[in-house]
Amino acid sequence: MSIKETVLSILADLTGTDFTQNLDDDLFADDLLDSMGTVQLLLELQDQLGVTVPVSEFDRTQWNTPNKIITQTEKLS
């Protein structure tokens, strides 16, 4: 499975939403992710893709859409 497919699968599990056609939806503005959801997302990225993002360095504006999450994950992998 590609990074994109894995990220979209994780987001679907966390939010109950399929983002394959909505890659630029703002997950925080739409109340689909909150602080707990963010921690779960980061843990899943680490578990499934080996990508570590320290919570202290997490910038919500760089991780607020599926596209941005995919891009950031690709940079860190």
PDB file of N, CA and C in Angstrom:
ATOM      1  N   MET A   1       0.853  -1.175   0.000  1.00  0.00           N
ATOM      2  CA  MET A   1       0.000   0.000   0.000  1.00  0.00           C
ATOM      3  C   MET A   1       0.901   1.242   0.000  1.00  0.00           C
ATOM      4  N   SER A   2       0.558   2.243  -0.779  1.00  0.00           N
ATOM      5  CA  SER A   2       1.345   3.472  -0.857  1.00  0.00           C
ATOM      6  C   SER A   2       1.121   4.339   0.388  1.00  0.00           C
ATOM      7  N   ILE A   3       1.973   5.349   0.546  1.00  0.00           N
ATOM      8  CA  ILE A   3       1.813   6.275   1.673  1.00  0.00           C
ATOM      9  C   ILE A   3       0.449   6.948   1.591  1.00  0.00           C
ATOM     10  N   LYS A   4       0.068   7.389   0.402  1.00  0.00           N
ATOM     11  CA  LYS A   4      -1.226   8.056   0.229  1.00  0.00           C
ATOM     12  C   LYS A   4      -2.369   7.140   0.657  1.00  0.00           C
ATOM     13  N   GLU A   5      -2.355   5.913   0.182  1.00  0.00           N
ATOM     14  CA  GLU A   5      -3.419   4.964   0.521  1.00  0.00           C
ATOM     15  C   GLU A   5      -3.439   4.678   2.028  1.00  0.00           C
ATOM     16  N   THR A   6      -2.265   4.566   2.626  1.00  0.00           N
ATOM     17  CA  THR A   6      -2.194   4.298   4.059  1.00  0.00           C
ATOM     18  C   THR A   6      -2.732   5.474   4.858  1.00  0.00           C
ATOM     19  N   VAL A   7      -2.324   6.687   4.492  1.00  0.00           N
ATOM     20  CA  VAL A   7      -2.807   7.885   5.192  1.00  0.00           C
ATOM     21  C   VAL A   7      -4.321   7.994   5.058  1.00  0.00           C
ATOM     22  N   LEU A   8      -4.843   7.787   3.867  1.00  0.00           N
ATOM     23  CA  LEU A   8      -6.293   7.884   3.667  1.00  0.00           C
ATOM     24  C   LEU A   8      -7.028   6.803   4.450  1.00  0.00           C
ATOM     25  N   SER A   9      -6.443   5.629   4.554  1.00  0.00           N
ATOM     26  CA  SER A   9      -7.041   4.552   5.347  1.00  0.00           C
ATOM     27  C   SER A   9      -7.061   4.919   6.834  1.00  0.00           C
ATOM     28  N   ILE A  10      -5.955   5.465   7.320  1.00  0.00           N
ATOM     29  CA  ILE A  10      -5.893   5.885   8.724  1.00  0.00           C
ATOM     30  C   ILE A  10      -6.935   6.967   8.994  1.00  0.00           C
ATOM     31  N   LEU A  11      -7.014   7.950   8.108  1.00  0.00           N
ATOM     32  CA  LEU A  11      -7.990   9.030   8.293  1.00  0.00           C
ATOM     33  C   LEU A  11      -9.423   8.505   8.246  1.00  0.00           C
ATOM     34  N   ALA A  12      -9.682   7.572   7.364  1.00  0.00           N
ATOM     35  CA  ALA A  12     -11.027   6.983   7.286  1.00  0.00           C
ATOM     36  C   ALA A  12     -11.370   6.259   8.588  1.00  0.00           C
ATOM     37  N   ASP A  13     -10.407   5.533   9.142  1.00  0.00           N
ATOM     38  CA  ASP A  13     -10.637   4.840  10.415  1.00  0.00           C
ATOM     39  C   ASP A  13     -10.880   5.824  11.557  1.00  0.00           C
ATOM     40  N   LEU A  14     -10.117   6.922  11.573  1.00  0.00           N
ATOM     41  CA  LEU A  14     -10.228   7.890  12.666  1.00  0.00           C
ATOM     42  C   LEU A  14     -11.476   8.763  12.580  1.00  0.00           C
ATOM     43  N   THR A  15     -11.889   9.092  11.359  1.00  0.00           N
ATOM     44  CA  THR A  15     -12.983  10.056  11.196  1.00  0.00           C
ATOM     45  C   THR A  15     -14.276   9.456  10.662  1.00  0.00           C
ATOM     46  N   GLY A  16     -14.189   8.254  10.087  1.00  0.00           N
ATOM     47  CA  GLY A  16     -15.361   7.663   9.465  1.00  0.00           C
ATOM     48  C   GLY A  16     -15.698   8.295   8.122  1.00  0.00           C
ATOM     49  N   THR A  17     -14.722   8.998   7.530  1.00  0.00           N
ATOM     50  CA  THR A  17     -14.949   9.723   6.284  1.00  0.00           C
ATOM     51  C   THR A  17     -13.955   9.271   5.220  1.00  0.00           C
ATOM     52  N   ASP A  18     -14.438   9.108   4.000  1.00  0.00           N
ATOM     53  CA  ASP A  18     -13.587   8.768   2.863  1.00  0.00           C
ATOM     54  C   ASP A  18     -13.138  10.072   2.204  1.00  0.00           C
ATOM     55  N   PHE A  19     -11.834  10.316   2.202  1.00  0.00           N
ATOM     56  CA  PHE A  19     -11.296  11.570   1.674  1.00  0.00           C
ATOM     57  C   PHE A  19     -10.706  11.439   0.277  1.00  0.00           C
ATOM     58  N   THR A  20     -10.923  10.325  -0.404  1.00  0.00           N
ATOM     59  CA  THR A  20     -10.291  10.130  -1.704  1.00  0.00           C
ATOM     60  C   THR A  20     -10.674  11.218  -2.704  1.00  0.00           C
ATOM     61  N   GLN A  21     -11.836  11.809  -2.562  1.00  0.00           N
ATOM     62  CA  GLN A  21     -12.275  12.880  -3.461  1.00  0.00           C
ATOM     63  C   GLN A  21     -12.210  14.255  -2.804  1.00  0.00           C
ATOM     64  N   ASN A  22     -11.808  14.299  -1.543  1.00  0.00           N
ATOM     65  CA  ASN A  22     -11.801  15.561  -0.784  1.00  0.00           C
ATOM     66  C   ASN A  22     -10.466  15.758  -0.078  1.00  0.00           C
ATOM     67  N   LEU A  23      -9.402  15.760  -0.844  1.00  0.00           N
ATOM     68  CA  LEU A  23      -8.061  15.779  -0.270  1.00  0.00           C
ATOM     69  C   LEU A  23      -7.673  17.120   0.341  1.00  0.00           C
ATOM     70  N   ASP A  24      -8.468  18.160   0.088  1.00  0.00           N
ATOM     71  CA  ASP A  24      -8.137  19.473   0.636  1.00  0.00           C
ATOM     72  C   ASP A  24      -9.112  19.939   1.711  1.00  0.00           C
ATOM     73  N   ASP A  25      -9.935  19.023   2.220  1.00  0.00           N
ATOM     74  CA  ASP A  25     -10.833  19.367   3.321  1.00  0.00           C
ATOM     75  C   ASP A  25     -10.013  19.660   4.572  1.00  0.00           C
ATOM     76  N   ASP A  26     -10.383  20.716   5.291  1.00  0.00           N
ATOM     77  CA  ASP A  26      -9.698  21.071   6.539  1.00  0.00           C
ATOM     78  C   ASP A  26     -10.271  20.219   7.665  1.00  0.00           C
ATOM     79  N   LEU A  27      -9.483  19.276   8.133  1.00  0.00           N
ATOM     80  CA  LEU A  27      -9.945  18.302   9.120  1.00  0.00           C
ATOM     81  C   LEU A  27     -10.264  18.937  10.468  1.00  0.00           C
ATOM     82  N   PHE A  28      -9.551  19.991  10.820  1.00  0.00           N
ATOM     83  CA  PHE A  28      -9.784  20.639  12.112  1.00  0.00           C
ATOM     84  C   PHE A  28     -10.965  21.595  12.035  1.00  0.00           C
ATOM     85  N   ALA A  29     -11.060  22.381  10.963  1.00  0.00           N
ATOM     86  CA  ALA A  29     -12.178  23.311  10.792  1.00  0.00           C
ATOM     87  C   ALA A  29     -13.505  22.558  10.675  1.00  0.00           C
ATOM     88  N   ASP A  30     -13.460  21.369  10.078  1.00  0.00           N
ATOM     89  CA  ASP A  30     -14.663  20.552   9.914  1.00  0.00           C
ATOM     90  C   ASP A  30     -14.939  19.665  11.135  1.00  0.00           C
ATOM     91  N   ASP A  31     -14.153  19.857  12.201  1.00  0.00           N
ATOM     92  CA  ASP A  31     -14.298  19.087  13.450  1.00  0.00           C
ATOM     93  C   ASP A  31     -14.183  17.578  13.246  1.00  0.00           C
ATOM     94  N   LEU A  32     -13.345  17.177  12.310  1.00  0.00           N
ATOM     95  CA  LEU A  32     -13.107  15.755  12.080  1.00  0.00           C
ATOM     96  C   LEU A  32     -11.903  15.256  12.870  1.00  0.00           C
ATOM     97  N   LEU A  33     -10.992  16.177  13.213  1.00  0.00           N
ATOM     98  CA  LEU A  33      -9.846  15.853  14.056  1.00  0.00           C
ATOM     99  C   LEU A  33      -9.752  16.876  15.179  1.00  0.00           C
ATOM    100  N   ASP A  34      -9.427  16.398  16.361  1.00  0.00           N
ATOM    101  CA  ASP A  34      -9.159  17.264  17.503  1.00  0.00           C
ATOM    102  C   ASP A  34      -7.819  16.837  18.086  1.00  0.00           C
ATOM    103  N   SER A  35      -7.494  17.283  19.277  1.00  0.00           N
ATOM    104  CA  SER A  35      -6.180  16.960  19.841  1.00  0.00           C
ATOM    105  C   SER A  35      -6.007  15.456  20.046  1.00  0.00           C
ATOM    106  N   MET A  36      -7.047  14.775  20.511  1.00  0.00           N
ATOM    107  CA  MET A  36      -6.945  13.319  20.690  1.00  0.00           C
ATOM    108  C   MET A  36      -6.811  12.612  19.344  1.00  0.00           C
ATOM    109  N   GLY A  37      -7.568  13.058  18.370  1.00  0.00           N
ATOM    110  CA  GLY A  37      -7.482  12.490  17.035  1.00  0.00           C
ATOM    111  C   GLY A  37      -6.112  12.705  16.415  1.00  0.00           C
ATOM    112  N   THR A  38      -5.519  13.858  16.709  1.00  0.00           N
ATOM    113  CA  THR A  38      -4.177  14.150  16.207  1.00  0.00           C
ATOM    114  C   THR A  38      -3.166  13.177  16.789  1.00  0.00           C
ATOM    115  N   VAL A  39      -3.258  12.943  18.087  1.00  0.00           N
ATOM    116  CA  VAL A  39      -2.342  11.992  18.731  1.00  0.00           C
ATOM    117  C   VAL A  39      -2.533  10.602  18.128  1.00  0.00           C
ATOM    118  N   GLN A  40      -3.777  10.201  17.932  1.00  0.00           N
ATOM    119  CA  GLN A  40      -4.047   8.895  17.327  1.00  0.00           C
ATOM    120  C   GLN A  40      -3.476   8.824  15.907  1.00  0.00           C
ATOM    121  N   LEU A  41      -3.636   9.903  15.145  1.00  0.00           N
ATOM    122  CA  LEU A  41      -3.096   9.962  13.793  1.00  0.00           C
ATOM    123  C   LEU A  41      -1.579   9.782  13.812  1.00  0.00           C
ATOM    124  N   LEU A  42      -0.907  10.518  14.678  1.00  0.00           N
ATOM    125  CA  LEU A  42       0.551  10.442  14.750  1.00  0.00           C
ATOM    126  C   LEU A  42       1.015   9.051  15.184  1.00  0.00           C
ATOM    127  N   LEU A  43       0.292   8.439  16.115  1.00  0.00           N
ATOM    128  CA  LEU A  43       0.636   7.088  16.550  1.00  0.00           C
ATOM    129  C   LEU A  43       0.454   6.076  15.417  1.00  0.00           C
ATOM    130  N   GLU A  44      -0.616   6.225  14.657  1.00  0.00           N
ATOM    131  CA  GLU A  44      -0.863   5.316  13.528  1.00  0.00           C
ATOM    132  C   GLU A  44       0.179   5.500  12.424  1.00  0.00           C
ATOM    133  N   LEU A  45       0.567   6.755  12.162  1.00  0.00           N
ATOM    134  CA  LEU A  45       1.609   7.001  11.160  1.00  0.00           C
ATOM    135  C   LEU A  45       2.918   6.348  11.584  1.00  0.00           C
ATOM    136  N   GLN A  46       3.211   6.432  12.873  1.00  0.00           N
ATOM    137  CA  GLN A  46       4.427   5.808  13.387  1.00  0.00           C
ATOM    138  C   GLN A  46       4.331   4.286  13.298  1.00  0.00           C
ATOM    139  N   ASP A  47       3.189   3.748  13.705  1.00  0.00           N
ATOM    140  CA  ASP A  47       3.007   2.302  13.726  1.00  0.00           C
ATOM    141  C   ASP A  47       2.986   1.696  12.320  1.00  0.00           C
ATOM    142  N   GLN A  48       2.238   2.322  11.412  1.00  0.00           N
ATOM    143  CA  GLN A  48       2.049   1.736  10.088  1.00  0.00           C
ATOM    144  C   GLN A  48       3.120   2.116   9.073  1.00  0.00           C
ATOM    145  N   LEU A  49       3.726   3.310   9.245  1.00  0.00           N
ATOM    146  CA  LEU A  49       4.689   3.770   8.244  1.00  0.00           C
ATOM    147  C   LEU A  49       6.078   4.057   8.814  1.00  0.00           C
ATOM    148  N   GLY A  50       6.222   3.956  10.129  1.00  0.00           N
ATOM    149  CA  GLY A  50       7.514   4.223  10.741  1.00  0.00           C
ATOM    150  C   GLY A  50       7.888   5.691  10.759  1.00  0.00           C
ATOM    151  N   VAL A  51       6.903   6.574  10.624  1.00  0.00           N
ATOM    152  CA  VAL A  51       7.134   8.019  10.598  1.00  0.00           C
ATOM    153  C   VAL A  51       6.916   8.578  11.992  1.00  0.00           C
ATOM    154  N   THR A  52       7.941   9.241  12.526  1.00  0.00           N
ATOM    155  CA  THR A  52       7.843   9.821  13.857  1.00  0.00           C
ATOM    156  C   THR A  52       7.736  11.335  13.754  1.00  0.00           C
ATOM    157  N   VAL A  53       6.669  11.886  14.333  1.00  0.00           N
ATOM    158  CA  VAL A  53       6.464  13.324  14.389  1.00  0.00           C
ATOM    159  C   VAL A  53       6.300  13.697  15.851  1.00  0.00           C
ATOM    160  N   PRO A  54       7.288  14.356  16.437  1.00  0.00           N
ATOM    161  CA  PRO A  54       7.137  14.774  17.831  1.00  0.00           C
ATOM    162  C   PRO A  54       5.955  15.728  17.970  1.00  0.00           C
ATOM    163  N   VAL A  55       5.092  15.481  18.928  1.00  0.00           N
ATOM    164  CA  VAL A  55       3.911  16.319  19.132  1.00  0.00           C
ATOM    165  C   VAL A  55       4.321  17.770  19.344  1.00  0.00           C
ATOM    166  N   SER A  56       5.456  17.996  20.001  1.00  0.00           N
ATOM    167  CA  SER A  56       5.923  19.360  20.260  1.00  0.00           C
ATOM    168  C   SER A  56       6.277  20.112  18.975  1.00  0.00           C
ATOM    169  N   GLU A  57       6.554  19.383  17.904  1.00  0.00           N
ATOM    170  CA  GLU A  57       6.900  20.005  16.627  1.00  0.00           C
ATOM    171  C   GLU A  57       5.753  19.960  15.626  1.00  0.00           C
ATOM    172  N   PHE A  58       4.605  19.498  16.047  1.00  0.00           N
ATOM    173  CA  PHE A  58       3.442  19.378  15.173  1.00  0.00           C
ATOM    174  C   PHE A  58       2.833  20.756  14.951  1.00  0.00           C
ATOM    175  N   ASP A  59       2.783  21.195  13.709  1.00  0.00           N
ATOM    176  CA  ASP A  59       2.170  22.473  13.337  1.00  0.00           C
ATOM    177  C   ASP A  59       0.863  22.165  12.615  1.00  0.00           C
ATOM    178  N   ARG A  60      -0.223  22.465  13.262  1.00  0.00           N
ATOM    179  CA  ARG A  60      -1.555  22.121  12.747  1.00  0.00           C
ATOM    180  C   ARG A  60      -1.779  22.650  11.327  1.00  0.00           C
ATOM    181  N   THR A  61      -1.235  23.817  11.011  1.00  0.00           N
ATOM    182  CA  THR A  61      -1.459  24.400   9.682  1.00  0.00           C
ATOM    183  C   THR A  61      -0.762  23.602   8.583  1.00  0.00           C
ATOM    184  N   GLN A  62       0.235  22.797   8.955  1.00  0.00           N
ATOM    185  CA  GLN A  62       0.919  21.975   7.964  1.00  0.00           C
ATOM    186  C   GLN A  62       0.355  20.558   7.901  1.00  0.00           C
ATOM    187  N   TRP A  63      -0.625  20.263   8.744  1.00  0.00           N
ATOM    188  CA  TRP A  63      -1.191  18.912   8.823  1.00  0.00           C
ATOM    189  C   TRP A  63      -2.724  18.940   8.815  1.00  0.00           C
ATOM    190  N   ASN A  64      -3.347  20.001   8.296  1.00  0.00           N
ATOM    191  CA  ASN A  64      -4.792  20.133   8.457  1.00  0.00           C
ATOM    192  C   ASN A  64      -5.639  19.560   7.328  1.00  0.00           C
ATOM    193  N   THR A  65      -5.021  19.087   6.260  1.00  0.00           N
ATOM    194  CA  THR A  65      -5.790  18.460   5.173  1.00  0.00           C
ATOM    195  C   THR A  65      -5.154  17.105   4.835  1.00  0.00           C
ATOM    196  N   PRO A  66      -5.919  16.213   4.253  1.00  0.00           N
ATOM    197  CA  PRO A  66      -5.328  14.937   3.828  1.00  0.00           C
ATOM    198  C   PRO A  66      -4.114  15.126   2.915  1.00  0.00           C
ATOM    199  N   ASN A  67      -4.197  16.075   1.967  1.00  0.00           N
ATOM    200  CA  ASN A  67      -3.065  16.324   1.075  1.00  0.00           C
ATOM    201  C   ASN A  67      -1.818  16.731   1.846  1.00  0.00           C
ATOM    202  N   LYS A  68      -1.976  17.617   2.820  1.00  0.00           N
ATOM    203  CA  LYS A  68      -0.830  18.081   3.608  1.00  0.00           C
ATOM    204  C   LYS A  68      -0.266  16.950   4.469  1.00  0.00           C
ATOM    205  N   ILE A  69      -1.136  16.112   4.999  1.00  0.00           N
ATOM    206  CA  ILE A  69      -0.676  14.976   5.803  1.00  0.00           C
ATOM    207  C   ILE A  69       0.131  14.020   4.937  1.00  0.00           C
ATOM    208  N   ILE A  70      -0.356  13.758   3.731  1.00  0.00           N
ATOM    209  CA  ILE A  70       0.361  12.884   2.794  1.00  0.00           C
ATOM    210  C   ILE A  70       1.725  13.489   2.467  1.00  0.00           C
ATOM    211  N   THR A  71       1.762  14.779   2.159  1.00  0.00           N
ATOM    212  CA  THR A  71       3.014  15.456   1.812  1.00  0.00           C
ATOM    213  C   THR A  71       4.008  15.410   2.966  1.00  0.00           C
ATOM    214  N   GLN A  72       3.542  15.741   4.180  1.00  0.00           N
ATOM    215  CA  GLN A  72       4.431  15.731   5.347  1.00  0.00           C
ATOM    216  C   GLN A  72       4.940  14.313   5.644  1.00  0.00           C
ATOM    217  N   THR A  73       4.067  13.344   5.496  1.00  0.00           N
ATOM    218  CA  THR A  73       4.456  11.956   5.752  1.00  0.00           C
ATOM    219  C   THR A  73       5.496  11.499   4.735  1.00  0.00           C
ATOM    220  N   GLU A  74       5.312  11.873   3.479  1.00  0.00           N
ATOM    221  CA  GLU A  74       6.287  11.510   2.443  1.00  0.00           C
ATOM    222  C   GLU A  74       7.647  12.153   2.732  1.00  0.00           C
ATOM    223  N   LYS A  75       7.646  13.383   3.227  1.00  0.00           N
ATOM    224  CA  LYS A  75       8.908  14.061   3.560  1.00  0.00           C
ATOM    225  C   LYS A  75       9.641  13.348   4.694  1.00  0.00           C
ATOM    226  N   LEU A  76       8.889  12.795   5.630  1.00  0.00           N
ATOM    227  CA  LEU A  76       9.487  12.177   6.819  1.00  0.00           C
ATOM    228  C   LEU A  76       9.824  10.697   6.640  1.00  0.00           C
ATOM    229  N   SER A  77       9.340  10.102   5.561  1.00  0.00           N
ATOM    230  CA  SER A  77       9.578   8.652   5.396  1.00  0.00           C
ATOM    231  C   SER A  77      10.875   8.365   4.669  1.00  0.00           C
TER     232      SER A  77
END
